[in-house]
């Protein structure tokens, strides 16, 4: 009986090892929708450089400043002018160095 259980345990371990090794094999991940190619970067602006140590003074740069389209991921804040709240007075002095 003990020998039978030992044989079953060995078989199960062998099965799990086989499944694990089979799942670790290289898989072909061909996608029908390939990623689009990134757009070619072009200079949209001319820019000049001046360094603080004055090693470069107003020198036009030839590097590319590429700007990409970005999407607004932040929520929009809409202000309703018709809705008013309580007015607060007296912050001016504390904001302009009154402390």
Protein backbone atom coordinates (compact mmCIF):
# COMPACT_ATOMS: atom_id res chain seq x y z
CA UNK A 1 0.00 0.00 0.00
CA UNK A 2 2.80 2.38 0.94
CA UNK A 3 4.59 1.56 -2.32
CA UNK A 4 1.43 2.34 -4.32
CA UNK A 5 1.05 5.77 -2.67
CA UNK A 6 4.72 6.51 -3.29
CA UNK A 7 4.34 5.62 -6.97
CA UNK A 8 1.26 7.86 -7.29
CA UNK A 9 3.09 10.75 -5.61
CA UNK A 10 6.04 10.36 -7.99
CA UNK A 11 3.67 10.28 -10.95
CA UNK A 12 1.88 13.45 -9.78
CA UNK A 13 5.16 15.27 -9.20
CA UNK A 14 6.38 14.22 -12.65
CA UNK A 15 3.10 15.43 -14.16
CA UNK A 16 3.38 18.84 -12.44
CA UNK A 17 7.00 19.21 -13.55
CA UNK A 18 6.03 18.35 -17.13
CA UNK A 19 3.17 20.87 -17.10
CA UNK A 20 5.42 23.58 -15.61
CA UNK A 21 8.17 22.99 -18.16
CA UNK A 22 5.67 22.89 -21.00
CA UNK A 23 4.19 26.25 -19.97
CA UNK A 24 7.66 27.80 -19.76
CA UNK A 25 8.42 27.05 -23.38
CA UNK A 26 8.67 29.84 -25.93
CA UNK A 27 5.31 30.70 -27.36
CA UNK A 28 4.61 32.28 -30.70
CA UNK A 29 2.86 35.57 -29.94
CA UNK A 30 2.11 36.71 -33.45
CA UNK A 31 -0.37 39.51 -33.29
CA UNK A 32 -2.69 40.27 -36.16
CA UNK A 33 -2.61 43.95 -35.16
CA UNK A 34 1.04 45.02 -35.02
CA UNK A 35 1.94 48.17 -33.13
CA UNK A 36 1.97 51.31 -35.28
CA UNK A 37 5.36 52.77 -36.05
CA UNK A 38 6.24 55.86 -34.02
CA UNK A 39 6.04 59.13 -35.95
CA UNK A 40 9.23 60.66 -37.28
CA UNK A 41 10.47 63.34 -34.92
CA UNK A 42 10.87 66.77 -36.47
CA UNK A 43 11.83 70.08 -34.97
CA UNK A 44 8.73 72.10 -34.31
CA UNK A 45 10.64 74.95 -32.70
CA UNK A 46 14.02 76.62 -32.98
CA UNK A 47 15.85 77.00 -29.69
CA UNK A 48 19.05 78.56 -28.44
CA UNK A 49 21.24 77.74 -25.45
CA UNK A 50 23.18 79.89 -23.02
CA UNK A 51 25.02 78.22 -20.13
CA UNK A 52 25.52 79.84 -16.74
CA UNK A 53 29.31 79.42 -16.95
CA UNK A 54 29.20 81.29 -20.30
CA UNK A 55 30.90 78.45 -22.17
CA UNK A 56 28.03 78.70 -24.64
CA UNK A 57 26.35 82.02 -25.40
CA UNK A 58 23.13 82.14 -27.42
CA UNK A 59 24.04 79.21 -29.64
CA UNK A 60 21.35 77.75 -31.88
CA UNK A 61 20.78 74.07 -31.11
CA UNK A 62 20.35 71.48 -33.83
CA UNK A 63 18.91 68.76 -31.59
CA UNK A 64 15.34 67.69 -32.06
CA UNK A 65 12.67 68.74 -29.60
CA UNK A 66 9.91 66.31 -30.42
CA UNK A 67 6.51 66.92 -28.89
CA UNK A 68 3.94 64.19 -28.86
CA UNK A 69 0.19 64.39 -28.65
CA UNK A 70 -0.88 63.87 -25.08
CA UNK A 71 -4.33 63.17 -23.84
CA UNK A 72 -5.96 64.79 -20.85
CA UNK A 73 -6.18 62.08 -18.20
CA UNK A 74 -7.29 64.53 -15.55
CA UNK A 75 -10.90 65.36 -14.80
CA UNK A 76 -12.22 68.60 -16.21
CA UNK A 77 -13.31 71.23 -13.72
CA UNK A 78 -16.37 73.09 -14.86
CA UNK A 79 -17.25 76.38 -13.17
CA UNK A 80 -20.89 77.37 -12.93
CA UNK A 81 -21.04 81.18 -12.75
CA UNK A 82 -24.70 81.08 -11.74
CA UNK A 83 -23.95 79.29 -8.46
CA UNK A 84 -22.44 81.49 -5.73
CA UNK A 85 -21.00 80.65 -2.34
CA UNK A 86 -20.25 82.60 0.80
CA UNK A 87 -17.57 85.26 0.28
CA UNK A 88 -14.54 85.30 2.54
CA UNK A 89 -12.60 88.45 3.33
CA UNK A 90 -9.33 89.01 5.15
CA UNK A 91 -6.88 86.67 3.43
CA UNK A 92 -4.96 89.41 1.64
CA UNK A 93 -2.71 90.47 4.53
CA UNK A 94 -1.78 86.90 5.45
CA UNK A 95 -0.94 85.98 1.85
CA UNK A 96 1.24 89.05 1.22
CA UNK A 97 3.67 88.60 4.10
CA UNK A 98 1.72 89.70 7.15
CA UNK A 99 3.18 86.98 9.35
